[in-house]
């Protein structure tokens, strides 16, 4: 297995460990799950924090790929595009609880800061779709920066809080419910 494939394999194994144990996983856990040696992991990643940063990069790259597919789909109606892009998650990650990655903000502040940076940037395609929705009359006119802030704040809260866990609501379900509530506020009915 070449280095790029091995890194991806380790990152995928780490994601599964995070989903099971949050950031309390060990490098031994990743090695066991990925059926690789711990030495191999340390040859590719300096430490657990660098591995977690790679997980964040990998996840957001996959999210951007999914976002691009939505945007480039010529057959998809505008309403569906807007709804999908606001809560885009790659199919492969629909069972990953991203709250577990955000749970380590005290122990891994750089990782958490990178997650927040990624959530708050790269909105240009979404903003363009929202503007198209307003221009075509699908959406009522509304201040896009406020809407963007509301979505970012909601996702940030989902990552920071145990409220959803205590209520038995998964991350993906929370995103869908958030979208339904916000959609009612912007949809031109």
N, C-alpha and C. Protein backbone atom coordinates (compact mmCIF):
# COMPACT_ATOMS: atom_id res chain seq x y z
N UNK A 1 0.86 -1.18 0.00
CA UNK A 1 0.00 0.00 0.00
C UNK A 1 0.91 1.24 0.00
N UNK A 2 0.67 2.16 -0.96
CA UNK A 2 1.50 3.36 -1.00
C UNK A 2 1.16 4.29 0.18
N UNK A 3 1.99 5.31 0.36
CA UNK A 3 1.86 6.20 1.53
C UNK A 3 0.51 6.92 1.57
N UNK A 4 0.03 7.38 0.44
CA UNK A 4 -1.24 8.10 0.38
C UNK A 4 -2.39 7.17 0.80
N UNK A 5 -2.40 5.98 0.26
CA UNK A 5 -3.45 5.00 0.60
C UNK A 5 -3.35 4.60 2.08
N UNK A 6 -2.13 4.43 2.57
CA UNK A 6 -1.95 4.06 3.97
C UNK A 6 -2.45 5.17 4.88
N UNK A 7 -2.14 6.43 4.55
CA UNK A 7 -2.65 7.56 5.35
C UNK A 7 -4.17 7.56 5.38
N UNK A 8 -4.77 7.37 4.21
CA UNK A 8 -6.23 7.34 4.13
C UNK A 8 -6.80 6.19 4.97
N UNK A 9 -6.16 5.04 4.90
CA UNK A 9 -6.61 3.88 5.68
C UNK A 9 -6.53 4.17 7.18
N UNK A 10 -5.46 4.79 7.61
CA UNK A 10 -5.29 5.14 9.03
C UNK A 10 -6.32 6.19 9.44
N UNK A 11 -6.55 7.18 8.59
CA UNK A 11 -7.55 8.21 8.89
C UNK A 11 -8.94 7.59 9.00
N UNK A 12 -9.29 6.71 8.08
CA UNK A 12 -10.59 6.03 8.13
C UNK A 12 -10.72 5.20 9.42
N UNK A 13 -9.65 4.51 9.80
CA UNK A 13 -9.65 3.74 11.05
C UNK A 13 -9.81 4.66 12.25
N UNK A 14 -9.16 5.81 12.19
CA UNK A 14 -9.26 6.79 13.28
C UNK A 14 -10.68 7.32 13.39
N UNK A 15 -11.31 7.60 12.26
CA UNK A 15 -12.70 8.07 12.27
C UNK A 15 -13.61 7.07 12.97
N UNK A 16 -13.42 5.80 12.70
CA UNK A 16 -14.23 4.77 13.35
C UNK A 16 -13.97 4.74 14.86
N UNK A 17 -12.71 4.91 15.24
CA UNK A 17 -12.37 4.96 16.66
C UNK A 17 -13.00 6.18 17.33
N UNK A 18 -12.94 7.32 16.65
CA UNK A 18 -13.55 8.54 17.19
C UNK A 18 -15.04 8.33 17.37
N UNK A 19 -15.66 7.68 16.40
CA UNK A 19 -17.09 7.44 16.50
C UNK A 19 -17.43 6.54 17.68
N UNK A 20 -16.55 5.60 17.98
CA UNK A 20 -16.77 4.70 19.11
C UNK A 20 -16.40 5.32 20.45
N UNK A 21 -15.26 6.01 20.50
CA UNK A 21 -14.70 6.43 21.79
C UNK A 21 -14.50 7.93 21.94
N UNK A 22 -14.88 8.69 20.92
CA UNK A 22 -14.55 10.11 20.96
C UNK A 22 -13.04 10.26 20.84
N UNK A 23 -12.51 11.35 21.36
CA UNK A 23 -11.07 11.58 21.26
C UNK A 23 -10.29 10.86 22.35
N UNK A 24 -10.94 9.95 23.04
CA UNK A 24 -10.25 9.15 24.06
C UNK A 24 -9.58 7.92 23.45
N UNK A 25 -9.66 7.77 22.14
CA UNK A 25 -9.00 6.65 21.49
C UNK A 25 -7.49 6.75 21.67
N UNK A 26 -6.82 5.63 21.54
CA UNK A 26 -5.36 5.62 21.61
C UNK A 26 -4.80 5.24 20.25
N UNK A 27 -3.53 5.47 20.07
CA UNK A 27 -2.88 5.06 18.83
C UNK A 27 -2.89 3.53 18.72
N UNK A 28 -2.85 2.84 19.85
CA UNK A 28 -2.96 1.38 19.84
C UNK A 28 -4.34 0.97 19.30
N UNK A 29 -5.38 1.71 19.67
CA UNK A 29 -6.73 1.41 19.16
C UNK A 29 -6.77 1.55 17.64
N UNK A 30 -6.17 2.61 17.13
CA UNK A 30 -6.15 2.85 15.68
C UNK A 30 -5.36 1.75 14.98
N UNK A 31 -4.21 1.39 15.56
CA UNK A 31 -3.37 0.34 14.98
C UNK A 31 -4.13 -0.98 14.92
N UNK A 32 -4.80 -1.32 16.01
CA UNK A 32 -5.56 -2.56 16.07
C UNK A 32 -6.69 -2.56 15.03
N UNK A 33 -7.45 -1.47 15.01
CA UNK A 33 -8.58 -1.40 14.08
C UNK A 33 -8.11 -1.43 12.63
N UNK A 34 -7.04 -0.70 12.36
CA UNK A 34 -6.54 -0.62 10.98
C UNK A 34 -5.63 -1.76 10.58
N UNK A 35 -5.33 -2.63 11.55
CA UNK A 35 -4.43 -3.76 11.28
C UNK A 35 -3.10 -3.29 10.71
N UNK A 36 -2.56 -2.24 11.36
CA UNK A 36 -1.24 -1.71 11.02
C UNK A 36 -0.45 -1.58 12.32
N UNK A 37 0.84 -1.42 12.18
CA UNK A 37 1.65 -1.26 13.39
C UNK A 37 1.58 0.20 13.85
N UNK A 38 1.79 0.36 15.14
CA UNK A 38 1.82 1.71 15.69
C UNK A 38 3.01 2.48 15.09
N UNK A 39 4.08 1.77 14.80
CA UNK A 39 5.25 2.39 14.17
C UNK A 39 4.88 2.99 12.82
N UNK A 40 4.05 2.28 12.06
CA UNK A 40 3.60 2.80 10.76
C UNK A 40 2.82 4.10 10.95
N UNK A 41 1.97 4.11 11.95
CA UNK A 41 1.19 5.33 12.21
C UNK A 41 2.12 6.49 12.53
N UNK A 42 3.11 6.23 13.41
CA UNK A 42 4.02 7.31 13.81
C UNK A 42 5.00 7.70 12.70
N UNK A 43 5.18 6.85 11.71
CA UNK A 43 5.99 7.25 10.55
C UNK A 43 5.25 8.28 9.70
N UNK A 44 3.91 8.20 9.75
CA UNK A 44 3.10 9.10 8.92
C UNK A 44 2.54 10.29 9.68
N UNK A 45 2.40 10.16 11.00
CA UNK A 45 1.82 11.23 11.83
C UNK A 45 2.70 11.42 13.06
N UNK A 46 3.01 12.67 13.37
CA UNK A 46 3.90 12.97 14.49
C UNK A 46 3.30 12.56 15.84
N UNK A 47 2.00 12.75 15.97
CA UNK A 47 1.34 12.50 17.25
C UNK A 47 -0.17 12.43 17.02
N UNK A 48 -0.90 12.23 18.09
CA UNK A 48 -2.35 12.10 18.00
C UNK A 48 -2.99 13.38 17.47
N UNK A 49 -2.48 14.53 17.88
CA UNK A 49 -3.05 15.79 17.40
C UNK A 49 -2.87 15.94 15.89
N UNK A 50 -1.70 15.58 15.37
CA UNK A 50 -1.50 15.69 13.91
C UNK A 50 -2.40 14.70 13.17
N UNK A 51 -2.63 13.54 13.76
CA UNK A 51 -3.56 12.58 13.17
C UNK A 51 -4.98 13.15 13.16
N UNK A 52 -5.38 13.76 14.26
CA UNK A 52 -6.71 14.37 14.34
C UNK A 52 -6.86 15.52 13.34
N UNK A 53 -5.79 16.30 13.16
CA UNK A 53 -5.84 17.39 12.16
C UNK A 53 -6.03 16.80 10.76
N UNK A 54 -5.38 15.68 10.51
CA UNK A 54 -5.54 15.02 9.21
C UNK A 54 -6.97 14.50 9.04
N UNK A 55 -7.56 14.01 10.11
CA UNK A 55 -8.95 13.56 10.07
C UNK A 55 -9.87 14.73 9.70
N UNK A 56 -9.63 15.89 10.31
CA UNK A 56 -10.44 17.08 10.01
C UNK A 56 -10.26 17.46 8.54
N UNK A 57 -9.02 17.50 8.06
CA UNK A 57 -8.77 17.83 6.65
C UNK A 57 -9.48 16.85 5.73
N UNK A 58 -9.36 15.59 6.04
CA UNK A 58 -9.95 14.52 5.23
C UNK A 58 -11.48 14.65 5.19
N UNK A 59 -12.08 14.83 6.36
CA UNK A 59 -13.55 14.95 6.43
C UNK A 59 -14.05 16.15 5.64
N UNK A 60 -13.39 17.29 5.82
CA UNK A 60 -13.85 18.48 5.11
C UNK A 60 -13.59 18.39 3.62
N UNK A 61 -12.53 17.69 3.21
CA UNK A 61 -12.31 17.48 1.77
C UNK A 61 -13.45 16.63 1.20
N UNK A 62 -13.88 15.62 1.92
CA UNK A 62 -15.00 14.78 1.48
C UNK A 62 -16.31 15.59 1.45
N UNK A 63 -16.49 16.45 2.43
CA UNK A 63 -17.68 17.30 2.45
C UNK A 63 -17.68 18.22 1.23
N UNK A 64 -16.52 18.80 0.91
CA UNK A 64 -16.43 19.69 -0.26
C UNK A 64 -16.69 18.92 -1.55
N UNK A 65 -16.25 17.65 -1.62
CA UNK A 65 -16.54 16.84 -2.80
C UNK A 65 -18.05 16.63 -2.95
N UNK A 66 -18.70 16.33 -1.85
CA UNK A 66 -20.16 16.15 -1.88
C UNK A 66 -20.86 17.45 -2.26
N UNK A 67 -20.38 18.55 -1.71
CA UNK A 67 -20.94 19.87 -2.03
C UNK A 67 -20.81 20.14 -3.53
N UNK A 68 -19.65 19.83 -4.08
CA UNK A 68 -19.41 20.06 -5.51
C UNK A 68 -20.37 19.23 -6.37
N UNK A 69 -20.62 17.98 -5.96
CA UNK A 69 -21.55 17.13 -6.70
C UNK A 69 -22.96 17.74 -6.71
N UNK A 70 -23.37 18.29 -5.57
CA UNK A 70 -24.69 18.92 -5.50
C UNK A 70 -24.74 20.12 -6.43
N UNK A 71 -23.74 20.97 -6.37
CA UNK A 71 -23.72 22.19 -7.18
C UNK A 71 -23.71 21.88 -8.67
N UNK A 72 -22.94 20.86 -9.06
CA UNK A 72 -22.79 20.55 -10.48
C UNK A 72 -23.91 19.69 -11.06
N UNK A 73 -24.83 19.23 -10.24
CA UNK A 73 -25.93 18.40 -10.71
C UNK A 73 -26.94 19.27 -11.46
N UNK A 74 -26.92 19.17 -12.76
CA UNK A 74 -27.78 20.00 -13.62
C UNK A 74 -29.25 19.59 -13.55
N UNK A 75 -29.52 18.37 -13.13
CA UNK A 75 -30.89 17.85 -13.07
C UNK A 75 -31.58 18.19 -11.74
N UNK A 76 -30.81 18.50 -10.71
CA UNK A 76 -31.38 18.73 -9.38
C UNK A 76 -32.06 20.10 -9.32
N UNK A 77 -33.32 20.15 -8.88
CA UNK A 77 -34.01 21.43 -8.75
C UNK A 77 -33.32 22.33 -7.71
N UNK A 78 -33.44 23.63 -7.89
CA UNK A 78 -32.78 24.60 -7.03
C UNK A 78 -33.13 24.39 -5.55
N UNK A 79 -34.40 24.16 -5.25
CA UNK A 79 -34.79 23.97 -3.85
C UNK A 79 -34.04 22.80 -3.23
N UNK A 80 -33.97 21.69 -3.94
CA UNK A 80 -33.26 20.52 -3.43
C UNK A 80 -31.77 20.80 -3.26
N UNK A 81 -31.18 21.53 -4.22
CA UNK A 81 -29.76 21.89 -4.12
C UNK A 81 -29.49 22.69 -2.84
N UNK A 82 -30.31 23.69 -2.62
CA UNK A 82 -30.11 24.54 -1.44
C UNK A 82 -30.26 23.72 -0.17
N UNK A 83 -31.29 22.92 -0.11
CA UNK A 83 -31.52 22.10 1.10
C UNK A 83 -30.36 21.13 1.33
N UNK A 84 -29.89 20.49 0.27
CA UNK A 84 -28.79 19.52 0.41
C UNK A 84 -27.48 20.20 0.79
N UNK A 85 -27.20 21.32 0.16
CA UNK A 85 -25.90 21.95 0.40
C UNK A 85 -25.79 22.50 1.82
N UNK A 86 -26.92 22.86 2.41
CA UNK A 86 -26.87 23.41 3.77
C UNK A 86 -26.52 22.36 4.82
N UNK A 87 -26.78 21.11 4.52
CA UNK A 87 -26.46 20.05 5.50
C UNK A 87 -25.65 18.94 4.86
N UNK A 88 -24.85 19.28 3.86
CA UNK A 88 -24.12 18.27 3.10
C UNK A 88 -23.19 17.46 4.00
N UNK A 89 -23.35 16.16 3.91
CA UNK A 89 -22.44 15.19 4.53
C UNK A 89 -22.23 14.09 3.50
N UNK A 90 -21.01 13.66 3.32
CA UNK A 90 -20.81 12.53 2.40
C UNK A 90 -21.58 11.31 2.90
N UNK A 91 -22.14 10.53 1.99
CA UNK A 91 -22.90 9.34 2.37
C UNK A 91 -22.09 8.44 3.29
N UNK A 92 -20.82 8.35 3.02
CA UNK A 92 -19.92 7.49 3.78
C UNK A 92 -19.86 7.90 5.26
N UNK A 93 -20.19 9.16 5.56
CA UNK A 93 -20.07 9.66 6.92
C UNK A 93 -21.40 9.88 7.61
N UNK A 94 -22.47 9.36 7.04
CA UNK A 94 -23.77 9.61 7.64
C UNK A 94 -23.89 9.01 9.04
N UNK A 95 -23.07 8.00 9.35
CA UNK A 95 -23.14 7.42 10.69
C UNK A 95 -22.04 7.92 11.62
N UNK A 96 -21.23 8.87 11.16
CA UNK A 96 -20.18 9.43 12.01
C UNK A 96 -20.79 10.55 12.84
N UNK A 97 -20.54 10.51 14.13
CA UNK A 97 -21.04 11.54 15.03
C UNK A 97 -19.96 12.61 15.19
N UNK A 98 -20.09 13.68 14.40
CA UNK A 98 -19.07 14.73 14.39
C UNK A 98 -18.96 15.46 15.73
N UNK A 99 -19.95 15.31 16.58
CA UNK A 99 -19.87 15.92 17.91
C UNK A 99 -18.70 15.33 18.69
N UNK A 100 -18.36 14.09 18.41
CA UNK A 100 -17.27 13.44 19.14
C UNK A 100 -15.92 14.03 18.74
N UNK A 101 -15.81 14.54 17.53
CA UNK A 101 -14.57 15.21 17.13
C UNK A 101 -14.48 16.56 17.84
N UNK A 102 -15.60 17.26 17.93
CA UNK A 102 -15.62 18.57 18.57
C UNK A 102 -15.50 18.51 20.08
N UNK A 103 -15.68 17.31 20.65
CA UNK A 103 -15.69 17.18 22.11
C UNK A 103 -14.33 17.40 22.75
N UNK A 104 -13.28 17.39 21.97
CA UNK A 104 -11.94 17.52 22.55
C UNK A 104 -11.38 18.92 22.49
N UNK A 105 -12.24 19.92 22.53
CA UNK A 105 -11.75 21.29 22.35
C UNK A 105 -10.79 21.73 23.45
N UNK A 106 -10.94 21.20 24.66
CA UNK A 106 -10.02 21.58 25.74
C UNK A 106 -8.66 20.90 25.60
N UNK A 107 -8.67 19.63 25.23
CA UNK A 107 -7.42 18.88 25.12
C UNK A 107 -6.72 19.12 23.78
N UNK A 108 -7.50 19.36 22.73
CA UNK A 108 -6.94 19.57 21.39
C UNK A 108 -7.48 20.87 20.80
N UNK A 109 -7.10 22.01 21.37
CA UNK A 109 -7.67 23.29 20.91
C UNK A 109 -7.35 23.62 19.45
N UNK A 110 -6.21 23.17 18.94
CA UNK A 110 -5.87 23.44 17.54
C UNK A 110 -6.82 22.68 16.61
N UNK A 111 -7.15 21.46 16.97
CA UNK A 111 -8.07 20.66 16.17
C UNK A 111 -9.44 21.31 16.17
N UNK A 112 -9.89 21.70 17.35
CA UNK A 112 -11.20 22.34 17.47
C UNK A 112 -11.23 23.67 16.69
N UNK A 113 -10.16 24.44 16.80
CA UNK A 113 -10.08 25.72 16.07
C UNK A 113 -10.15 25.49 14.56
N UNK A 114 -9.52 24.43 14.10
CA UNK A 114 -9.55 24.12 12.67
C UNK A 114 -10.95 23.72 12.23
N UNK A 115 -11.65 22.95 13.06
CA UNK A 115 -13.03 22.59 12.75
C UNK A 115 -13.88 23.85 12.62
N UNK A 116 -13.75 24.74 13.57
CA UNK A 116 -14.54 25.99 13.55
C UNK A 116 -14.18 26.84 12.33
N UNK A 117 -12.89 26.90 12.02
CA UNK A 117 -12.45 27.67 10.84
C UNK A 117 -13.10 27.09 9.57
N UNK A 118 -13.08 25.77 9.45
CA UNK A 118 -13.66 25.12 8.26
C UNK A 118 -15.17 25.34 8.18
N UNK A 119 -15.85 25.33 9.33
CA UNK A 119 -17.29 25.55 9.33
C UNK A 119 -17.64 26.98 8.91
N UNK A 120 -16.76 27.90 9.23
CA UNK A 120 -17.04 29.32 8.99
C UNK A 120 -16.48 29.83 7.67
N UNK A 121 -15.87 28.98 6.87
CA UNK A 121 -15.29 29.43 5.60
C UNK A 121 -15.82 28.56 4.46
N UNK A 122 -15.57 29.00 3.25
CA UNK A 122 -15.98 28.23 2.08
C UNK A 122 -17.46 28.29 1.78
N UNK A 123 -18.11 29.34 2.22
CA UNK A 123 -19.55 29.48 2.04
C UNK A 123 -19.96 30.04 0.67
N UNK A 124 -19.02 30.41 -0.15
CA UNK A 124 -19.34 31.09 -1.41
C UNK A 124 -20.34 30.32 -2.29
N UNK A 125 -20.17 29.01 -2.50
CA UNK A 125 -21.17 28.29 -3.32
C UNK A 125 -22.56 28.29 -2.69
N UNK A 126 -22.62 28.16 -1.38
CA UNK A 126 -23.91 28.16 -0.68
C UNK A 126 -24.56 29.52 -0.78
N UNK A 127 -23.78 30.56 -0.58
CA UNK A 127 -24.30 31.93 -0.68
C UNK A 127 -24.83 32.19 -2.09
N UNK A 128 -24.10 31.71 -3.09
CA UNK A 128 -24.55 31.89 -4.48
C UNK A 128 -25.89 31.19 -4.71
N UNK A 129 -26.05 29.98 -4.17
CA UNK A 129 -27.34 29.28 -4.33
C UNK A 129 -28.46 29.99 -3.58
N UNK A 130 -28.16 30.48 -2.38
CA UNK A 130 -29.17 31.23 -1.63
C UNK A 130 -29.60 32.48 -2.40
N UNK A 131 -28.61 33.19 -2.96
CA UNK A 131 -28.91 34.39 -3.73
C UNK A 131 -29.75 34.06 -4.97
N UNK A 132 -29.41 32.94 -5.62
CA UNK A 132 -30.20 32.50 -6.77
C UNK A 132 -31.63 32.20 -6.34
N UNK A 133 -31.79 31.59 -5.17
CA UNK A 133 -33.12 31.30 -4.64
C UNK A 133 -33.92 32.57 -4.40
N UNK A 134 -33.26 33.60 -3.88
CA UNK A 134 -33.92 34.89 -3.67
C UNK A 134 -34.27 35.52 -5.02
N UNK A 135 -33.29 35.52 -5.95
CA UNK A 135 -33.49 36.15 -7.26
C UNK A 135 -34.61 35.50 -8.06
N UNK A 136 -34.79 34.19 -7.91
CA UNK A 136 -35.83 33.49 -8.67
C UNK A 136 -37.19 33.49 -7.96
N UNK A 137 -37.22 33.99 -6.72
CA UNK A 137 -38.47 34.03 -5.98
C UNK A 137 -38.75 32.77 -5.17
N UNK A 138 -37.86 31.79 -5.26
CA UNK A 138 -38.04 30.58 -4.45
C UNK A 138 -37.95 30.93 -2.96
N UNK A 139 -37.04 31.82 -2.64
CA UNK A 139 -36.85 32.25 -1.25
C UNK A 139 -37.26 33.70 -1.12
N UNK A 140 -37.82 34.05 0.03
CA UNK A 140 -38.13 35.45 0.29
C UNK A 140 -36.82 36.19 0.52
N UNK A 141 -36.77 37.47 0.24
CA UNK A 141 -35.53 38.21 0.52
C UNK A 141 -35.22 38.19 2.03
N UNK A 142 -34.00 37.87 2.35
CA UNK A 142 -33.55 37.84 3.74
C UNK A 142 -32.05 38.14 3.75
N UNK A 143 -31.53 38.62 4.87
CA UNK A 143 -30.09 38.92 4.95
C UNK A 143 -29.27 37.63 5.05
N UNK A 144 -28.59 37.27 4.00
CA UNK A 144 -27.81 36.04 3.95
C UNK A 144 -26.76 35.97 5.07
N UNK A 145 -26.06 37.08 5.41
CA UNK A 145 -25.08 36.98 6.50
C UNK A 145 -25.70 36.54 7.84
N UNK A 146 -26.93 36.96 8.10
CA UNK A 146 -27.60 36.54 9.34
C UNK A 146 -27.93 35.05 9.26
N UNK A 147 -28.45 34.61 8.12
CA UNK A 147 -28.76 33.20 7.93
C UNK A 147 -27.50 32.35 8.10
N UNK A 148 -26.41 32.78 7.46
CA UNK A 148 -25.12 32.07 7.56
C UNK A 148 -24.69 31.97 9.02
N UNK A 149 -24.80 33.06 9.73
CA UNK A 149 -24.42 33.08 11.15
C UNK A 149 -25.29 32.13 11.97
N UNK A 150 -26.56 32.07 11.64
CA UNK A 150 -27.47 31.17 12.37
C UNK A 150 -27.09 29.70 12.14
N UNK A 151 -26.77 29.34 10.91
CA UNK A 151 -26.37 27.96 10.60
C UNK A 151 -25.06 27.64 11.31
N UNK A 152 -24.07 28.53 11.18
CA UNK A 152 -22.77 28.31 11.83
C UNK A 152 -22.94 28.17 13.35
N UNK A 153 -23.74 29.03 13.94
CA UNK A 153 -23.95 28.98 15.39
C UNK A 153 -24.64 27.69 15.80
N UNK A 154 -25.61 27.25 15.01
CA UNK A 154 -26.30 26.01 15.34
C UNK A 154 -25.34 24.83 15.29
N UNK A 155 -24.56 24.74 14.24
CA UNK A 155 -23.61 23.63 14.11
C UNK A 155 -22.58 23.69 15.22
N UNK A 156 -22.09 24.87 15.51
CA UNK A 156 -21.13 25.03 16.61
C UNK A 156 -21.73 24.55 17.93
N UNK A 157 -22.97 24.90 18.17
CA UNK A 157 -23.65 24.48 19.40
C UNK A 157 -23.83 22.96 19.43
N UNK A 158 -24.16 22.37 18.27
CA UNK A 158 -24.29 20.92 18.20
C UNK A 158 -22.98 20.24 18.61
N UNK A 159 -21.86 20.83 18.17
CA UNK A 159 -20.56 20.24 18.46
C UNK A 159 -20.13 20.46 19.91
N UNK A 160 -20.57 21.57 20.50
CA UNK A 160 -20.14 21.95 21.85
C UNK A 160 -20.97 21.37 22.98
N UNK A 161 -22.17 20.97 22.70
CA UNK A 161 -23.12 20.66 23.75
C UNK A 161 -23.46 19.18 23.82
N UNK A 162 -23.82 18.74 25.00
CA UNK A 162 -24.30 17.37 25.18
C UNK A 162 -25.82 17.29 25.14
N UNK A 163 -26.48 18.42 24.91
CA UNK A 163 -27.95 18.45 24.92
C UNK A 163 -28.56 17.45 23.95
N UNK A 164 -28.01 17.37 22.75
CA UNK A 164 -28.57 16.46 21.75
C UNK A 164 -28.35 15.00 22.14
N UNK A 165 -27.17 14.72 22.69
CA UNK A 165 -26.87 13.36 23.14
C UNK A 165 -27.86 12.96 24.22
N UNK A 166 -28.07 13.87 25.17
CA UNK A 166 -28.99 13.60 26.27
C UNK A 166 -30.42 13.43 25.77
N UNK A 167 -30.77 14.09 24.68
CA UNK A 167 -32.11 13.98 24.11
C UNK A 167 -32.23 12.82 23.13
N UNK A 168 -31.11 12.13 22.89
CA UNK A 168 -31.12 11.00 21.97
C UNK A 168 -31.22 11.40 20.51
N UNK A 169 -30.72 12.58 20.18
CA UNK A 169 -30.78 13.08 18.80
C UNK A 169 -29.39 13.02 18.21
N UNK A 170 -29.26 12.33 17.08
CA UNK A 170 -27.98 12.21 16.40
C UNK A 170 -27.62 13.49 15.65
N UNK A 171 -26.35 13.60 15.30
CA UNK A 171 -25.84 14.80 14.61
C UNK A 171 -26.56 15.03 13.28
N UNK A 172 -26.67 14.00 12.46
CA UNK A 172 -27.31 14.16 11.16
C UNK A 172 -28.78 14.55 11.32
N UNK A 173 -29.47 13.94 12.27
CA UNK A 173 -30.87 14.28 12.52
C UNK A 173 -30.99 15.73 12.98
N UNK A 174 -30.06 16.18 13.82
CA UNK A 174 -30.07 17.57 14.29
C UNK A 174 -29.90 18.52 13.12
N UNK A 175 -29.01 18.19 12.18
CA UNK A 175 -28.83 19.03 10.99
C UNK A 175 -30.12 19.12 10.18
N UNK A 176 -30.77 17.98 10.00
CA UNK A 176 -32.02 17.96 9.21
C UNK A 176 -33.11 18.79 9.89
N UNK A 177 -33.24 18.66 11.20
CA UNK A 177 -34.25 19.42 11.93
C UNK A 177 -33.94 20.92 11.90
N UNK A 178 -32.66 21.27 12.05
CA UNK A 178 -32.26 22.68 11.97
C UNK A 178 -32.66 23.25 10.61
N UNK A 179 -32.38 22.49 9.55
CA UNK A 179 -32.72 22.95 8.20
C UNK A 179 -34.22 23.16 8.05
N UNK A 180 -35.03 22.24 8.55
CA UNK A 180 -36.48 22.39 8.44
C UNK A 180 -36.96 23.66 9.12
N UNK A 181 -36.43 23.93 10.30
CA UNK A 181 -36.84 25.13 11.03
C UNK A 181 -36.40 26.39 10.29
N UNK A 182 -35.16 26.42 9.82
CA UNK A 182 -34.67 27.60 9.09
C UNK A 182 -35.37 27.74 7.73
N UNK A 183 -35.62 26.61 7.07
CA UNK A 183 -36.25 26.64 5.75
C UNK A 183 -37.62 27.32 5.80
N UNK A 184 -38.37 27.00 6.85
CA UNK A 184 -39.69 27.64 6.99
C UNK A 184 -39.57 29.15 7.09
N UNK A 185 -38.45 29.62 7.61
CA UNK A 185 -38.25 31.07 7.75
C UNK A 185 -37.84 31.76 6.45
N UNK A 186 -37.23 31.03 5.51
CA UNK A 186 -36.75 31.69 4.28
C UNK A 186 -37.55 31.32 3.04
N UNK A 187 -38.29 30.22 3.11
CA UNK A 187 -39.03 29.76 1.93
C UNK A 187 -40.17 30.73 1.63
N UNK A 188 -40.30 31.08 0.37
CA UNK A 188 -41.34 31.98 -0.10
C UNK A 188 -42.58 31.17 -0.42
N UNK A 189 -43.53 31.10 0.48
CA UNK A 189 -44.71 30.26 0.28
C UNK A 189 -45.89 31.11 -0.14
